[in-house]
Amino acid sequence: MQPHEIYSLRARDVMKRRIVLVSPLDTVYDVLTKMQEAECQVAIVDRADDDDAYGILTYQEVVYRVISKSLPATRTRVGEIMAKPLIVVNPSLRLPFVAQLFSRFGIQNAIVIEEHQLVGVISSSDLVAALVQRKTE
């Protein structure tokens, strides 16, 4: 793949549009079940109101904050362990700049917001998959 090809891709080209949106009051067990049913690696935790920030639950948070502490997933609320606030990406942001954000903040995922609406999630695996996919085309 030529550098200019990956540079021309934008967040909207590789983001996941399927979103598991959950309440901070949901249990970790219930959210993990929803994530597996939807084949999603992350769940976005909804805002309390328009002025609030979104949160995120990933398998990493579950491992670090639930399993490692022997907490019961059926009684632990997502709001207790989620990561919040999140880095927000514009859908027109080019992939190298998304990668720079991930590197600078040491993150693996970001939400994609367009006109104040949640439209997707982009992850480091989406960036890598885009690089590999373009190479094989």
N, C-alpha and C. Protein backbone atom coordinates (compact mmCIF):
# COMPACT_ATOMS: atom_id res chain seq x y z
N MET A 1 0.84 -1.18 0.00
CA MET A 1 0.00 0.00 0.00
C MET A 1 0.89 1.24 0.00
N GLN A 2 0.51 2.18 -0.81
CA GLN A 2 1.22 3.44 -0.87
C GLN A 2 0.78 4.34 0.28
N PRO A 3 1.70 5.14 0.82
CA PRO A 3 1.33 6.01 1.94
C PRO A 3 0.15 6.92 1.63
N HIS A 4 0.04 7.39 0.42
CA HIS A 4 -1.06 8.31 0.09
C HIS A 4 -2.42 7.60 0.12
N GLU A 5 -2.44 6.27 -0.10
CA GLU A 5 -3.71 5.55 -0.07
C GLU A 5 -4.29 5.50 1.35
N ILE A 6 -3.46 5.19 2.33
CA ILE A 6 -3.94 5.15 3.70
C ILE A 6 -4.25 6.57 4.18
N TYR A 7 -3.49 7.53 3.69
CA TYR A 7 -3.71 8.92 4.09
C TYR A 7 -5.06 9.43 3.60
N SER A 8 -5.54 8.91 2.49
CA SER A 8 -6.81 9.40 1.94
C SER A 8 -8.03 8.81 2.66
N LEU A 9 -7.85 7.72 3.40
CA LEU A 9 -8.97 7.14 4.13
C LEU A 9 -9.32 8.00 5.34
N ARG A 10 -10.60 8.01 5.65
CA ARG A 10 -11.09 8.80 6.78
C ARG A 10 -11.76 7.88 7.80
N ALA A 11 -12.00 8.41 8.97
CA ALA A 11 -12.62 7.62 10.05
C ALA A 11 -13.91 6.97 9.57
N ARG A 12 -14.73 7.70 8.83
CA ARG A 12 -16.02 7.14 8.37
C ARG A 12 -15.84 5.93 7.47
N ASP A 13 -14.67 5.80 6.82
CA ASP A 13 -14.42 4.69 5.91
C ASP A 13 -14.15 3.37 6.63
N VAL A 14 -13.71 3.44 7.87
CA VAL A 14 -13.32 2.22 8.57
C VAL A 14 -14.03 2.01 9.91
N MET A 15 -14.76 3.00 10.38
CA MET A 15 -15.41 2.89 11.69
C MET A 15 -16.50 1.82 11.68
N LYS A 16 -16.81 1.33 12.85
CA LYS A 16 -17.91 0.39 13.02
C LYS A 16 -19.17 1.21 13.28
N ARG A 17 -20.19 0.93 12.50
CA ARG A 17 -21.46 1.66 12.68
C ARG A 17 -22.40 0.94 13.64
N ARG A 18 -22.16 -0.34 13.85
CA ARG A 18 -22.97 -1.09 14.80
C ARG A 18 -22.48 -0.74 16.20
N ILE A 19 -23.37 -0.18 16.99
CA ILE A 19 -23.00 0.30 18.32
C ILE A 19 -23.88 -0.40 19.36
N VAL A 20 -23.25 -0.90 20.40
CA VAL A 20 -23.98 -1.41 21.55
C VAL A 20 -24.03 -0.25 22.54
N LEU A 21 -25.19 0.37 22.66
CA LEU A 21 -25.38 1.52 23.55
C LEU A 21 -26.09 1.03 24.80
N VAL A 22 -25.47 1.25 25.95
CA VAL A 22 -26.00 0.71 27.20
C VAL A 22 -26.12 1.80 28.26
N SER A 23 -26.82 1.49 29.31
CA SER A 23 -26.99 2.39 30.44
C SER A 23 -25.88 2.14 31.46
N PRO A 24 -25.44 3.17 32.17
CA PRO A 24 -24.45 2.96 33.23
C PRO A 24 -25.01 2.10 34.37
N LEU A 25 -26.32 1.94 34.42
CA LEU A 25 -26.95 1.13 35.46
C LEU A 25 -27.02 -0.35 35.11
N ASP A 26 -26.74 -0.70 33.84
CA ASP A 26 -26.73 -2.10 33.43
C ASP A 26 -25.60 -2.84 34.14
N THR A 27 -25.80 -4.13 34.35
CA THR A 27 -24.73 -4.92 34.96
C THR A 27 -23.69 -5.27 33.90
N VAL A 28 -22.50 -5.52 34.34
CA VAL A 28 -21.42 -5.91 33.44
C VAL A 28 -21.80 -7.19 32.70
N TYR A 29 -22.40 -8.13 33.41
CA TYR A 29 -22.82 -9.39 32.79
C TYR A 29 -23.79 -9.14 31.64
N ASP A 30 -24.81 -8.31 31.87
CA ASP A 30 -25.80 -8.03 30.83
C ASP A 30 -25.17 -7.35 29.62
N VAL A 31 -24.26 -6.43 29.86
CA VAL A 31 -23.61 -5.72 28.75
C VAL A 31 -22.69 -6.67 27.98
N LEU A 32 -21.95 -7.52 28.67
CA LEU A 32 -21.10 -8.49 27.97
C LEU A 32 -21.93 -9.41 27.10
N THR A 33 -23.10 -9.80 27.58
CA THR A 33 -24.00 -10.63 26.78
C THR A 33 -24.43 -9.89 25.52
N LYS A 34 -24.79 -8.61 25.66
CA LYS A 34 -25.19 -7.80 24.50
C LYS A 34 -24.03 -7.65 23.51
N MET A 35 -22.83 -7.44 24.04
CA MET A 35 -21.66 -7.29 23.18
C MET A 35 -21.40 -8.56 22.38
N GLN A 36 -21.50 -9.70 23.02
CA GLN A 36 -21.26 -10.96 22.32
C GLN A 36 -22.33 -11.23 21.29
N GLU A 37 -23.58 -10.94 21.61
CA GLU A 37 -24.67 -11.14 20.65
C GLU A 37 -24.49 -10.25 19.42
N ALA A 38 -24.02 -9.03 19.63
CA ALA A 38 -23.83 -8.08 18.53
C ALA A 38 -22.46 -8.23 17.87
N GLU A 39 -21.63 -9.12 18.40
CA GLU A 39 -20.27 -9.32 17.90
C GLU A 39 -19.48 -8.03 17.91
N CYS A 40 -19.60 -7.28 19.02
CA CYS A 40 -18.88 -6.02 19.21
C CYS A 40 -17.86 -6.19 20.33
N GLN A 41 -16.74 -5.55 20.18
CA GLN A 41 -15.68 -5.61 21.19
C GLN A 41 -15.81 -4.51 22.25
N VAL A 42 -16.67 -3.54 21.99
CA VAL A 42 -16.87 -2.43 22.94
C VAL A 42 -18.35 -2.13 23.08
N ALA A 43 -18.69 -1.55 24.22
CA ALA A 43 -20.04 -1.03 24.43
C ALA A 43 -19.89 0.44 24.80
N ILE A 44 -20.74 1.26 24.24
CA ILE A 44 -20.74 2.68 24.56
C ILE A 44 -21.77 2.90 25.66
N VAL A 45 -21.36 3.59 26.70
CA VAL A 45 -22.24 3.87 27.83
C VAL A 45 -22.87 5.23 27.61
N ASP A 46 -24.19 5.24 27.57
CA ASP A 46 -24.95 6.45 27.24
C ASP A 46 -24.73 7.56 28.26
N ARG A 47 -24.99 8.76 27.82
CA ARG A 47 -24.87 9.95 28.66
C ARG A 47 -26.12 10.11 29.53
N ALA A 48 -25.95 10.73 30.67
CA ALA A 48 -27.09 11.01 31.54
C ALA A 48 -27.96 12.11 30.94
N ASP A 49 -27.31 13.05 30.24
CA ASP A 49 -28.02 14.14 29.56
C ASP A 49 -27.13 14.68 28.46
N ASP A 50 -27.61 15.68 27.74
CA ASP A 50 -26.87 16.22 26.59
C ASP A 50 -25.54 16.86 26.98
N ASP A 51 -25.38 17.27 28.23
CA ASP A 51 -24.14 17.90 28.67
C ASP A 51 -23.14 16.91 29.24
N ASP A 52 -23.53 15.65 29.35
CA ASP A 52 -22.67 14.61 29.89
C ASP A 52 -21.79 14.04 28.78
N ALA A 53 -20.80 13.25 29.17
CA ALA A 53 -19.92 12.58 28.22
C ALA A 53 -20.29 11.11 28.12
N TYR A 54 -19.99 10.51 26.98
CA TYR A 54 -20.17 9.08 26.81
C TYR A 54 -19.06 8.34 27.57
N GLY A 55 -19.33 7.10 27.92
CA GLY A 55 -18.33 6.22 28.50
C GLY A 55 -18.14 5.03 27.58
N ILE A 56 -17.20 4.17 27.93
CA ILE A 56 -16.95 2.98 27.12
C ILE A 56 -16.62 1.81 28.03
N LEU A 57 -17.06 0.65 27.64
CA LEU A 57 -16.70 -0.59 28.32
C LEU A 57 -16.05 -1.50 27.29
N THR A 58 -14.84 -1.91 27.58
CA THR A 58 -14.13 -2.85 26.71
C THR A 58 -13.79 -4.10 27.53
N TYR A 59 -13.36 -5.12 26.85
CA TYR A 59 -12.94 -6.33 27.55
C TYR A 59 -11.80 -6.03 28.51
N GLN A 60 -10.95 -5.08 28.14
CA GLN A 60 -9.83 -4.72 29.01
C GLN A 60 -10.32 -4.19 30.36
N GLU A 61 -11.34 -3.31 30.35
CA GLU A 61 -11.89 -2.82 31.61
C GLU A 61 -12.46 -3.97 32.44
N VAL A 62 -13.13 -4.90 31.78
CA VAL A 62 -13.70 -6.04 32.50
C VAL A 62 -12.59 -6.87 33.15
N VAL A 63 -11.53 -7.14 32.41
CA VAL A 63 -10.42 -7.92 32.96
C VAL A 63 -9.76 -7.18 34.12
N TYR A 64 -9.44 -5.90 33.92
CA TYR A 64 -8.70 -5.14 34.93
C TYR A 64 -9.54 -4.77 36.15
N ARG A 65 -10.82 -4.47 35.92
CA ARG A 65 -11.63 -3.90 37.01
C ARG A 65 -12.69 -4.82 37.59
N VAL A 66 -12.91 -5.96 36.96
CA VAL A 66 -13.90 -6.91 37.48
C VAL A 66 -13.24 -8.24 37.81
N ILE A 67 -12.70 -8.90 36.80
CA ILE A 67 -12.14 -10.23 37.00
C ILE A 67 -10.94 -10.19 37.94
N SER A 68 -10.02 -9.24 37.74
CA SER A 68 -8.81 -9.20 38.59
C SER A 68 -9.13 -8.90 40.05
N LYS A 69 -10.29 -8.29 40.29
CA LYS A 69 -10.69 -7.95 41.67
C LYS A 69 -11.76 -8.90 42.20
N SER A 70 -12.03 -9.94 41.44
CA SER A 70 -13.03 -10.95 41.83
C SER A 70 -14.39 -10.33 42.14
N LEU A 71 -14.79 -9.31 41.37
CA LEU A 71 -16.11 -8.71 41.54
C LEU A 71 -17.15 -9.53 40.80
N PRO A 72 -18.36 -9.60 41.29
CA PRO A 72 -19.41 -10.35 40.59
C PRO A 72 -19.96 -9.54 39.39
N ALA A 73 -19.82 -10.09 38.21
CA ALA A 73 -20.27 -9.40 37.00
C ALA A 73 -21.77 -9.19 37.00
N THR A 74 -22.50 -10.03 37.70
CA THR A 74 -23.96 -9.91 37.73
C THR A 74 -24.44 -8.81 38.68
N ARG A 75 -23.53 -8.29 39.52
CA ARG A 75 -23.92 -7.22 40.44
C ARG A 75 -23.12 -5.94 40.27
N THR A 76 -22.10 -5.97 39.44
CA THR A 76 -21.28 -4.78 39.20
C THR A 76 -21.90 -3.97 38.08
N ARG A 77 -22.13 -2.71 38.33
CA ARG A 77 -22.73 -1.81 37.33
C ARG A 77 -21.66 -1.29 36.39
N VAL A 78 -22.03 -1.13 35.15
CA VAL A 78 -21.11 -0.63 34.13
C VAL A 78 -20.57 0.75 34.52
N GLY A 79 -21.42 1.58 35.10
CA GLY A 79 -21.00 2.91 35.51
C GLY A 79 -19.87 2.92 36.52
N GLU A 80 -19.68 1.82 37.23
CA GLU A 80 -18.62 1.72 38.23
C GLU A 80 -17.25 1.45 37.61
N ILE A 81 -17.23 0.89 36.42
CA ILE A 81 -15.94 0.45 35.86
C ILE A 81 -15.62 1.03 34.49
N MET A 82 -16.55 1.72 33.87
CA MET A 82 -16.34 2.22 32.51
C MET A 82 -15.24 3.27 32.47
N ALA A 83 -14.68 3.47 31.30
CA ALA A 83 -13.74 4.56 31.06
C ALA A 83 -14.55 5.75 30.56
N LYS A 84 -14.26 6.92 31.13
CA LYS A 84 -15.02 8.12 30.77
C LYS A 84 -14.21 9.32 31.18
N PRO A 85 -14.18 10.40 30.45
CA PRO A 85 -14.80 10.65 29.14
C PRO A 85 -13.97 10.05 28.02
N LEU A 86 -14.52 10.09 26.83
CA LEU A 86 -13.87 9.49 25.66
C LEU A 86 -13.32 10.55 24.73
N ILE A 87 -12.33 10.15 23.97
CA ILE A 87 -11.85 10.98 22.86
C ILE A 87 -12.88 10.88 21.75
N VAL A 88 -13.22 12.01 21.17
CA VAL A 88 -14.20 12.07 20.09
C VAL A 88 -13.48 12.37 18.78
N VAL A 89 -13.88 11.65 17.75
CA VAL A 89 -13.29 11.81 16.42
C VAL A 89 -14.37 12.26 15.45
N ASN A 90 -14.02 13.19 14.59
CA ASN A 90 -14.91 13.62 13.51
C ASN A 90 -14.83 12.57 12.40
N PRO A 91 -15.95 12.23 11.75
CA PRO A 91 -15.91 11.20 10.72
C PRO A 91 -15.02 11.53 9.53
N SER A 92 -14.71 12.81 9.31
CA SER A 92 -13.86 13.18 8.18
C SER A 92 -12.37 13.22 8.52
N LEU A 93 -12.03 12.90 9.77
CA LEU A 93 -10.61 12.91 10.16
C LEU A 93 -9.86 11.78 9.45
N ARG A 94 -8.73 12.11 8.87
CA ARG A 94 -7.93 11.12 8.14
C ARG A 94 -7.27 10.14 9.12
N LEU A 95 -7.10 8.91 8.66
CA LEU A 95 -6.61 7.84 9.53
C LEU A 95 -5.26 8.10 10.18
N PRO A 96 -4.30 8.71 9.51
CA PRO A 96 -3.04 8.99 10.22
C PRO A 96 -3.24 9.89 11.44
N PHE A 97 -4.20 10.80 11.37
CA PHE A 97 -4.45 11.68 12.50
C PHE A 97 -5.20 10.95 13.61
N VAL A 98 -6.07 10.01 13.23
CA VAL A 98 -6.71 9.16 14.23
C VAL A 98 -5.62 8.36 14.95
N ALA A 99 -4.69 7.81 14.20
CA ALA A 99 -3.60 7.03 14.78
C ALA A 99 -2.75 7.90 15.71
N GLN A 100 -2.53 9.14 15.34
CA GLN A 100 -1.75 10.04 16.20
C GLN A 100 -2.49 10.32 17.51
N LEU A 101 -3.81 10.48 17.44
CA LEU A 101 -4.60 10.65 18.67
C LEU A 101 -4.48 9.42 19.57
N PHE A 102 -4.61 8.24 18.97
CA PHE A 102 -4.51 7.01 19.74
C PHE A 102 -3.14 6.93 20.42
N SER A 103 -2.11 7.25 19.68
CA SER A 103 -0.75 7.20 20.22
C SER A 103 -0.55 8.23 21.33
N ARG A 104 -0.98 9.44 21.09
CA ARG A 104 -0.78 10.52 22.05
C ARG A 104 -1.48 10.25 23.38
N PHE A 105 -2.69 9.69 23.32
CA PHE A 105 -3.47 9.48 24.54
C PHE A 105 -3.41 8.05 25.05
N GLY A 106 -2.70 7.16 24.35
CA GLY A 106 -2.56 5.79 24.79
C GLY A 106 -3.89 5.04 24.83
N ILE A 107 -4.71 5.25 23.80
CA ILE A 107 -6.03 4.63 23.75
C ILE A 107 -6.12 3.68 22.57
N GLN A 108 -7.15 2.86 22.58
CA GLN A 108 -7.39 1.90 21.51
C GLN A 108 -8.68 2.18 20.75
N ASN A 109 -9.57 3.00 21.34
CA ASN A 109 -10.89 3.24 20.77
C ASN A 109 -11.28 4.70 20.92
N ALA A 110 -12.10 5.16 19.99
CA ALA A 110 -12.67 6.50 20.08
C ALA A 110 -14.07 6.45 19.48
N ILE A 111 -14.93 7.32 19.96
CA ILE A 111 -16.26 7.39 19.37
C ILE A 111 -16.23 8.41 18.23
N VAL A 112 -17.12 8.20 17.28
CA VAL A 112 -17.22 9.10 16.13
C VAL A 112 -18.55 9.85 16.26
N ILE A 113 -18.45 11.16 16.32
CA ILE A 113 -19.61 12.03 16.49
C ILE A 113 -19.73 12.93 15.27
N GLU A 114 -20.95 12.99 14.72
CA GLU A 114 -21.22 13.88 13.60
C GLU A 114 -22.49 14.65 13.90
N GLU A 115 -22.39 15.97 13.86
CA GLU A 115 -23.52 16.85 14.15
C GLU A 115 -24.19 16.47 15.48
N HIS A 116 -23.36 16.31 16.50
CA HIS A 116 -23.80 16.02 17.87
C HIS A 116 -24.47 14.66 18.03
N GLN A 117 -24.29 13.77 17.04
CA GLN A 117 -24.88 12.43 17.10
C GLN A 117 -23.77 11.38 17.07
N LEU A 118 -23.91 10.37 17.91
CA LEU A 118 -23.01 9.23 17.90
C LEU A 118 -23.27 8.40 16.65
N VAL A 119 -22.26 8.27 15.78
CA VAL A 119 -22.47 7.55 14.52
C VAL A 119 -21.59 6.31 14.38
N GLY A 120 -20.61 6.15 15.27
CA GLY A 120 -19.75 4.98 15.16
C GLY A 120 -18.67 4.94 16.21
N VAL A 121 -17.89 3.87 16.12
CA VAL A 121 -16.74 3.66 16.99
C VAL A 121 -15.58 3.27 16.08
N ILE A 122 -14.41 3.82 16.35
CA ILE A 122 -13.22 3.45 15.58
C ILE A 122 -12.17 2.93 16.56
N SER A 123 -11.50 1.87 16.15
CA SER A 123 -10.51 1.25 17.03
C SER A 123 -9.18 1.08 16.30
N SER A 124 -8.16 0.78 17.08
CA SER A 124 -6.85 0.53 16.47
C SER A 124 -6.93 -0.68 15.54
N SER A 125 -7.76 -1.66 15.87
CA SER A 125 -7.88 -2.82 14.98
C SER A 125 -8.53 -2.43 13.65
N ASP A 126 -9.41 -1.42 13.65
CA ASP A 126 -9.99 -0.93 12.39
C ASP A 126 -8.91 -0.29 11.52
N LEU A 127 -7.99 0.44 12.15
CA LEU A 127 -6.90 1.08 11.40
C LEU A 127 -5.99 0.03 10.77
N VAL A 128 -5.64 -0.98 11.56
CA VAL A 128 -4.76 -2.04 11.04
C VAL A 128 -5.47 -2.83 9.94
N ALA A 129 -6.74 -3.14 10.15
CA ALA A 129 -7.50 -3.88 9.15
C ALA A 129 -7.57 -3.11 7.83
N ALA A 130 -7.71 -1.80 7.91
CA ALA A 130 -7.76 -0.97 6.69
C ALA A 130 -6.43 -1.04 5.96
N LEU A 131 -5.34 -1.03 6.69
CA LEU A 131 -4.02 -1.11 6.09
C LEU A 131 -3.84 -2.44 5.39
N VAL A 132 -4.20 -3.52 6.03
CA VAL A 132 -4.05 -4.86 5.46
C VAL A 132 -5.02 -5.06 4.30
N GLN A 133 -6.25 -4.60 4.45
CA GLN A 133 -7.25 -4.79 3.41
C GLN A 133 -6.85 -4.06 2.13
N ARG A 134 -6.37 -2.86 2.25
CA ARG A 134 -5.96 -2.10 1.06
C ARG A 134 -4.78 -2.77 0.37
N LYS A 135 -3.91 -3.40 1.13
CA LYS A 135 -2.74 -4.08 0.56
C LYS A 135 -3.16 -5.28 -0.28
N THR A 136 -4.22 -5.97 0.12
CA THR A 136 -4.63 -7.18 -0.59
C THR A 136 -5.57 -6.90 -1.75
N GLU A 137 -6.04 -5.67 -1.87
CA GLU A 137 -6.97 -5.35 -2.97
C GLU A 137 -6.24 -5.13 -4.27
